[in-house]
Protein backbone atom coordinates (compact mmCIF):
# COMPACT_ATOMS: atom_id res chain seq x y z
CA UNK A 1 61.20 5.18 90.34
CA UNK A 2 63.55 6.58 87.75
CA UNK A 3 62.74 9.57 85.60
CA UNK A 4 62.64 7.50 82.41
CA UNK A 5 60.10 5.12 83.97
CA UNK A 6 57.94 8.07 84.99
CA UNK A 7 58.18 9.52 81.50
CA UNK A 8 57.10 6.23 79.92
CA UNK A 9 54.16 5.90 82.34
CA UNK A 10 53.03 9.47 81.64
CA UNK A 11 53.25 8.88 77.90
CA UNK A 12 51.21 5.66 78.14
CA UNK A 13 48.56 7.35 80.28
CA UNK A 14 48.31 10.22 77.79
CA UNK A 15 47.98 7.84 74.83
CA UNK A 16 45.27 5.86 76.62
CA UNK A 17 43.31 9.02 77.47
CA UNK A 18 43.61 10.35 73.92
CA UNK A 19 42.35 7.04 72.51
CA UNK A 20 39.37 7.01 74.85
CA UNK A 21 38.41 10.57 73.94
CA UNK A 22 38.41 9.76 70.23
CA UNK A 23 36.61 6.43 70.62
CA UNK A 24 33.50 7.76 72.30
CA UNK A 25 32.47 11.08 70.79
CA UNK A 26 29.12 11.68 72.40
CA UNK A 27 27.11 14.83 73.03
CA UNK A 28 24.20 15.54 75.33
CA UNK A 29 21.38 17.36 73.53
CA UNK A 30 17.84 18.50 74.32
CA UNK A 31 18.16 19.04 78.07
CA UNK A 32 14.77 19.14 79.80
CA UNK A 33 13.39 19.66 83.30
CA UNK A 34 9.77 18.70 83.98
CA UNK A 35 9.32 18.16 80.22
CA UNK A 36 10.25 21.79 79.47
CA UNK A 37 13.27 22.91 77.46
CA UNK A 38 13.75 26.20 79.30
CA UNK A 39 11.98 25.95 82.67
CA UNK A 40 11.72 28.83 85.10
CA UNK A 41 10.42 28.49 88.64
CA UNK A 42 10.07 24.73 89.01
CA UNK A 43 8.41 24.03 92.39
CA UNK A 44 8.73 20.23 92.43
CA UNK A 45 10.78 18.55 95.17
CA UNK A 46 12.19 15.93 92.81
CA UNK A 47 12.08 17.34 89.28
CA UNK A 48 12.15 14.97 86.31
CA UNK A 49 15.23 15.52 84.18
CA UNK A 50 15.62 14.39 80.60
CA UNK A 51 18.17 14.48 77.81
CA UNK A 52 19.10 12.88 74.50
CA UNK A 53 22.52 11.51 73.65
CA UNK A 54 23.94 11.80 70.15
CA UNK A 55 26.97 9.76 69.13
CA UNK A 56 28.99 9.32 65.96
CA UNK A 57 28.97 5.53 66.32
CA UNK A 58 26.05 3.13 66.67
CA UNK A 59 25.15 1.33 69.90
CA UNK A 60 26.64 3.92 72.26
CA UNK A 61 25.21 4.09 75.77
CA UNK A 62 25.70 6.19 78.86
CA UNK A 63 27.06 4.80 82.12
CA UNK A 64 27.50 6.18 85.58
């Protein structure tokens, strides 16, 4: 692969990544463990975790 082809591919990948970062501005807020905001000494084998997601745009959802 020539150097100009590599440069073009890198530029396209960078532009795609920059567009994705701007499109989905989301933030995770209100982290909780066992319904507590600041837990200390949780003794549950499978603790329940919770959080809220705030986004600039409507109809945003999380995915794994």
